[in-house]
Amino acid sequence: MPMCRYSLLVLLVALLLGGCSSHYAGMKIVDSLGQKDRAQVIEGLYAQLEKWHRVPYRLGGLSKRGIDCSGLVYLTYKNRFGIELPRSAGEQAKSGQVVNLNGLQAGDLVFFKTGILGKHVGIYVQGGEFLHASTTKGVMVSNLSDPYWSSHYWKTVRIRN
């Protein structure tokens, strides 16, 4: 009887561990947004910039009349890459794996703390540049080395698919 209990316990542990590993295997980290190579991701981001350039910032906006930073990220991922993200910057910040600033890849989300509760998000393109919706200049590309952005940098997230 003790041997039977031991065997049952080993079987249960094996099933539980197997379930965890198969679930984890299904949650892969997107490397340059899945099967797309970096050049395709960069091209898609610049195409999005061309389409939305200088559209004014509007809190809660999702149209050419006005868009906010998380809305731009949401629409870019949905329309350019077929990935649906949460709508808010706070939820987008929880949607992937935190990666080191030194390991940035095209498509990574870059986050900034812009006030006590304020968060800002953009999408890394290349060469230190990121696409975002500026509150003063609308949709544009800025550089992470800019003193304002470098002093407010919070974290980088790579989206899971």
C-alpha atoms as a PDB file:
ATOM      1  CA  MET A   1       0.000   0.000   0.000  1.00  0.00           C
ATOM      2  CA  PRO A   2       2.744   2.581   0.781  1.00  0.00           C
ATOM      3  CA  MET A   3       4.338   1.844  -2.626  1.00  0.00           C
ATOM      4  CA  CYS A   4       0.983   2.484  -4.328  1.00  0.00           C
ATOM      5  CA  ARG A   5       0.643   5.887  -2.617  1.00  0.00           C
ATOM      6  CA  TYR A   6       4.191   6.781  -3.608  1.00  0.00           C
ATOM      7  CA  SER A   7       3.507   5.837  -7.243  1.00  0.00           C
ATOM      8  CA  LEU A   8       0.302   7.865  -7.235  1.00  0.00           C
ATOM      9  CA  LEU A   9       2.138  10.866  -5.782  1.00  0.00           C
ATOM     10  CA  VAL A  10       4.887  10.602  -8.425  1.00  0.00           C
ATOM     11  CA  LEU A  11       2.237  10.377 -11.167  1.00  0.00           C
ATOM     12  CA  LEU A  12       0.401  13.463  -9.858  1.00  0.00           C
ATOM     13  CA  VAL A  13       3.621  15.473  -9.643  1.00  0.00           C
ATOM     14  CA  ALA A  14       4.582  14.414 -13.179  1.00  0.00           C
ATOM     15  CA  LEU A  15       1.161  15.445 -14.516  1.00  0.00           C
ATOM     16  CA  LEU A  16       1.307  18.801 -12.757  1.00  0.00           C
ATOM     17  CA  LEU A  17       4.812  19.541 -13.991  1.00  0.00           C
ATOM     18  CA  GLY A  18       3.925  18.410 -17.488  1.00  0.00           C
ATOM     19  CA  GLY A  19       0.910  20.705 -17.503  1.00  0.00           C
ATOM     20  CA  CYS A  20       3.022  23.656 -16.403  1.00  0.00           C
ATOM     21  CA  SER A  21       5.690  23.072 -18.995  1.00  0.00           C
ATOM     22  CA  SER A  22       3.258  22.678 -21.854  1.00  0.00           C
ATOM     23  CA  HIS A  23       1.447  25.859 -20.800  1.00  0.00           C
ATOM     24  CA  TYR A  24       4.731  27.750 -20.614  1.00  0.00           C
ATOM     25  CA  ALA A  25       5.857  26.428 -23.992  1.00  0.00           C
ATOM     26  CA  GLY A  26       2.711  27.913 -25.538  1.00  0.00           C
ATOM     27  CA  MET A  27       3.576  31.375 -24.174  1.00  0.00           C
ATOM     28  CA  LYS A  28       6.640  32.125 -26.271  1.00  0.00           C
ATOM     29  CA  ILE A  29       8.352  35.462 -26.192  1.00  0.00           C
ATOM     30  CA  VAL A  30       7.954  37.238 -29.494  1.00  0.00           C
ATOM     31  CA  ASP A  31      11.361  37.819 -31.035  1.00  0.00           C
ATOM     32  CA  SER A  32      10.938  40.756 -33.404  1.00  0.00           C
ATOM     33  CA  LEU A  33       7.205  40.026 -33.442  1.00  0.00           C
ATOM     34  CA  GLY A  34       7.214  36.334 -34.264  1.00  0.00           C
ATOM     35  CA  GLN A  35       8.126  35.218 -37.759  1.00  0.00           C
ATOM     36  CA  LYS A  36       8.720  38.725 -39.059  1.00  0.00           C
ATOM     37  CA  ASP A  37      12.345  39.746 -39.394  1.00  0.00           C
ATOM     38  CA  ARG A  38      13.587  43.029 -37.997  1.00  0.00           C
ATOM     39  CA  ALA A  39      13.539  44.747 -41.376  1.00  0.00           C
ATOM     40  CA  GLN A  40       9.816  43.960 -41.756  1.00  0.00           C
ATOM     41  CA  VAL A  41       9.053  45.247 -38.264  1.00  0.00           C
ATOM     42  CA  ILE A  42      11.017  48.449 -38.844  1.00  0.00           C
ATOM     43  CA  GLU A  43       9.290  48.922 -42.215  1.00  0.00           C
ATOM     44  CA  GLY A  44       5.892  48.470 -40.557  1.00  0.00           C
ATOM     45  CA  LEU A  45       6.725  51.003 -37.859  1.00  0.00           C
ATOM     46  CA  TYR A  46       7.878  53.619 -40.350  1.00  0.00           C
ATOM     47  CA  ALA A  47       4.758  52.972 -42.443  1.00  0.00           C
ATOM     48  CA  GLN A  48       2.686  53.599 -39.321  1.00  0.00           C
ATOM     49  CA  LEU A  49       4.607  56.824 -38.711  1.00  0.00           C
ATOM     50  CA  GLU A  50       3.935  57.949 -42.277  1.00  0.00           C
ATOM     51  CA  LYS A  51       0.224  57.228 -41.886  1.00  0.00           C
ATOM     52  CA  TRP A  52      -0.143  58.896 -38.466  1.00  0.00           C
ATOM     53  CA  HIS A  53       2.621  61.552 -38.489  1.00  0.00           C
ATOM     54  CA  ARG A  54       1.620  64.690 -36.598  1.00  0.00           C
ATOM     55  CA  VAL A  55      -1.867  63.426 -35.718  1.00  0.00           C
ATOM     56  CA  PRO A  56      -2.478  65.427 -32.547  1.00  0.00           C
ATOM     57  CA  TYR A  57      -2.411  63.947 -29.075  1.00  0.00           C
ATOM     58  CA  ARG A  58      -5.826  63.440 -27.502  1.00  0.00           C
ATOM     59  CA  LEU A  59      -6.276  61.543 -24.238  1.00  0.00           C
ATOM     60  CA  GLY A  60      -8.396  58.475 -24.975  1.00  0.00           C
ATOM     61  CA  GLY A  61      -8.279  59.124 -28.720  1.00  0.00           C
ATOM     62  CA  LEU A  62      -8.077  56.376 -31.337  1.00  0.00           C
ATOM     63  CA  SER A  63      -8.614  58.286 -34.576  1.00  0.00           C
ATOM     64  CA  LYS A  64      -6.927  60.738 -36.930  1.00  0.00           C
ATOM     65  CA  ARG A  65      -8.673  63.507 -34.968  1.00  0.00           C
ATOM     66  CA  GLY A  66      -6.464  62.615 -32.014  1.00  0.00           C
ATOM     67  CA  ILE A  67      -4.714  59.663 -30.404  1.00  0.00           C
ATOM     68  CA  ASP A  68      -2.901  59.029 -27.144  1.00  0.00           C
ATOM     69  CA  CYS A  69       0.323  57.096 -26.632  1.00  0.00           C
ATOM     70  CA  SER A  70      -1.222  53.775 -25.587  1.00  0.00           C
ATOM     71  CA  GLY A  71      -3.808  54.090 -28.353  1.00  0.00           C
ATOM     72  CA  LEU A  72      -1.042  54.439 -30.938  1.00  0.00           C
ATOM     73  CA  VAL A  73       0.685  51.340 -29.529  1.00  0.00           C
ATOM     74  CA  TYR A  74      -2.620  49.459 -29.439  1.00  0.00           C
ATOM     75  CA  LEU A  75      -3.507  50.307 -33.065  1.00  0.00           C
ATOM     76  CA  THR A  76       0.024  49.735 -34.375  1.00  0.00           C
ATOM     77  CA  TYR A  77       0.253  46.255 -32.889  1.00  0.00           C
ATOM     78  CA  LYS A  78      -3.282  45.362 -33.987  1.00  0.00           C
ATOM     79  CA  ASN A  79      -3.156  46.741 -37.536  1.00  0.00           C
ATOM     80  CA  ARG A  80       0.506  46.202 -38.428  1.00  0.00           C
ATOM     81  CA  PHE A  81       1.305  42.997 -36.564  1.00  0.00           C
ATOM     82  CA  GLY A  82      -2.037  41.313 -35.819  1.00  0.00           C
ATOM     83  CA  ILE A  83      -1.457  41.345 -32.049  1.00  0.00           C
ATOM     84  CA  GLU A  84      -4.116  42.720 -29.715  1.00  0.00           C
ATOM     85  CA  LEU A  85      -2.735  44.481 -26.658  1.00  0.00           C
ATOM     86  CA  PRO A  86      -4.558  46.057 -23.721  1.00  0.00           C
ATOM     87  CA  ARG A  87      -5.620  49.642 -24.317  1.00  0.00           C
ATOM     88  CA  SER A  88      -3.867  51.393 -21.390  1.00  0.00           C
ATOM     89  CA  ALA A  89      -0.138  52.026 -20.910  1.00  0.00           C
ATOM     90  CA  GLY A  90      -0.317  50.541 -17.413  1.00  0.00           C
ATOM     91  CA  GLU A  91      -1.748  47.270 -18.715  1.00  0.00           C
ATOM     92  CA  GLN A  92       0.580  47.246 -21.726  1.00  0.00           C
ATOM     93  CA  ALA A  93       3.499  47.484 -19.289  1.00  0.00           C
ATOM     94  CA  LYS A  94       2.352  44.171 -17.768  1.00  0.00           C
ATOM     95  CA  SER A  95       1.855  42.432 -21.127  1.00  0.00           C
ATOM     96  CA  GLY A  96       5.291  41.056 -21.795  1.00  0.00           C
ATOM     97  CA  GLN A  97       8.747  40.302 -20.536  1.00  0.00           C
ATOM     98  CA  VAL A  98      10.935  43.087 -19.204  1.00  0.00           C
ATOM     99  CA  VAL A  99      14.151  43.290 -21.208  1.00  0.00           C
ATOM    100  CA  ASN A 100      17.371  45.200 -20.668  1.00  0.00           C
ATOM    101  CA  LEU A 101      17.739  48.560 -22.372  1.00  0.00           C
ATOM    102  CA  ASN A 102      20.913  47.229 -23.999  1.00  0.00           C
ATOM    103  CA  GLY A 103      18.959  44.440 -25.707  1.00  0.00           C
ATOM    104  CA  LEU A 104      16.347  46.569 -27.474  1.00  0.00           C
ATOM    105  CA  GLN A 105      14.752  45.136 -30.607  1.00  0.00           C
ATOM    106  CA  ALA A 106      12.400  46.713 -33.118  1.00  0.00           C
ATOM    107  CA  GLY A 107       8.864  46.418 -31.766  1.00  0.00           C
ATOM    108  CA  ASP A 108       9.762  46.478 -28.062  1.00  0.00           C
ATOM    109  CA  LEU A 109       7.642  48.798 -25.951  1.00  0.00           C
ATOM    110  CA  VAL A 110       9.527  51.528 -24.115  1.00  0.00           C
ATOM    111  CA  PHE A 111       7.930  53.051 -21.031  1.00  0.00           C
ATOM    112  CA  PHE A 112       8.521  56.310 -19.225  1.00  0.00           C
ATOM    113  CA  LYS A 113       7.325  57.708 -15.910  1.00  0.00           C
ATOM    114  CA  THR A 114       6.255  61.253 -16.684  1.00  0.00           C
ATOM    115  CA  GLY A 115       4.801  62.284 -13.336  1.00  0.00           C
ATOM    116  CA  ILE A 116       3.634  60.855 -10.046  1.00  0.00           C
ATOM    117  CA  LEU A 117       1.092  58.603 -11.739  1.00  0.00           C
ATOM    118  CA  GLY A 118       1.822  59.369 -15.385  1.00  0.00           C
ATOM    119  CA  LYS A 119       3.088  56.726 -17.773  1.00  0.00           C
ATOM    120  CA  HIS A 120       4.052  57.159 -21.416  1.00  0.00           C
ATOM    121  CA  VAL A 121       4.686  54.398 -23.948  1.00  0.00           C
ATOM    122  CA  GLY A 122       6.270  54.181 -27.371  1.00  0.00           C
ATOM    123  CA  ILE A 123       7.509  51.477 -29.732  1.00  0.00           C
ATOM    124  CA  TYR A 124      11.230  51.063 -30.286  1.00  0.00           C
ATOM    125  CA  VAL A 125      12.216  51.273 -33.957  1.00  0.00           C
ATOM    126  CA  GLN A 126      16.034  51.290 -34.275  1.00  0.00           C
ATOM    127  CA  GLY A 127      19.104  53.393 -33.552  1.00  0.00           C
ATOM    128  CA  GLY A 128      17.674  54.738 -30.298  1.00  0.00           C
ATOM    129  CA  GLU A 129      14.480  55.955 -31.992  1.00  0.00           C
ATOM    130  CA  PHE A 130      10.956  55.185 -30.817  1.00  0.00           C
ATOM    131  CA  LEU A 131       7.533  55.915 -32.281  1.00  0.00           C
ATOM    132  CA  HIS A 132       5.044  57.600 -29.943  1.00  0.00           C
ATOM    133  CA  ALA A 133       2.264  60.138 -29.585  1.00  0.00           C
ATOM    134  CA  SER A 134       3.775  63.276 -28.061  1.00  0.00           C
ATOM    135  CA  THR A 135       1.433  65.452 -26.027  1.00  0.00           C
ATOM    136  CA  THR A 136       2.850  68.556 -27.724  1.00  0.00           C
ATOM    137  CA  LYS A 137       3.812  67.453 -31.256  1.00  0.00           C
ATOM    138  CA  GLY A 138       1.479  64.550 -31.963  1.00  0.00           C
ATOM    139  CA  VAL A 139       2.645  61.271 -33.497  1.00  0.00           C
ATOM    140  CA  MET A 140       6.378  61.382 -34.102  1.00  0.00           C
ATOM    141  CA  VAL A 141       9.708  59.652 -33.600  1.00  0.00           C
ATOM    142  CA  SER A 142      11.966  60.662 -30.705  1.00  0.00           C
ATOM    143  CA  ASN A 143      15.318  59.430 -29.467  1.00  0.00           C
ATOM    144  CA  LEU A 144      15.918  57.646 -26.174  1.00  0.00           C
ATOM    145  CA  SER A 145      19.107  59.685 -25.705  1.00  0.00           C
ATOM    146  CA  ASP A 146      17.124  62.938 -25.576  1.00  0.00           C
ATOM    147  CA  PRO A 147      17.658  64.338 -22.059  1.00  0.00           C
ATOM    148  CA  TYR A 148      13.928  64.391 -21.302  1.00  0.00           C
ATOM    149  CA  TRP A 149      13.322  60.780 -22.352  1.00  0.00           C
ATOM    150  CA  SER A 150      16.523  59.406 -20.835  1.00  0.00           C
ATOM    151  CA  SER A 151      15.709  61.014 -17.481  1.00  0.00           C
ATOM    152  CA  HIS A 152      12.153  59.622 -17.492  1.00  0.00           C
ATOM    153  CA  TYR A 153      12.916  56.128 -18.845  1.00  0.00           C
ATOM    154  CA  TRP A 154      11.235  53.392 -16.811  1.00  0.00           C
ATOM    155  CA  LYS A 155      11.455  50.025 -18.571  1.00  0.00           C
ATOM    156  CA  THR A 156      11.294  48.072 -21.826  1.00  0.00           C
ATOM    157  CA  VAL A 157       8.835  45.234 -22.458  1.00  0.00           C
ATOM    158  CA  ARG A 158       8.933  42.586 -25.176  1.00  0.00           C
ATOM    159  CA  ILE A 159       5.424  41.405 -26.007  1.00  0.00           C
ATOM    160  CA  ARG A 160       4.419  37.770 -25.605  1.00  0.00           C
ATOM    161  CA  ASN A 161       2.412  36.207 -28.379  1.00  0.00           C
END
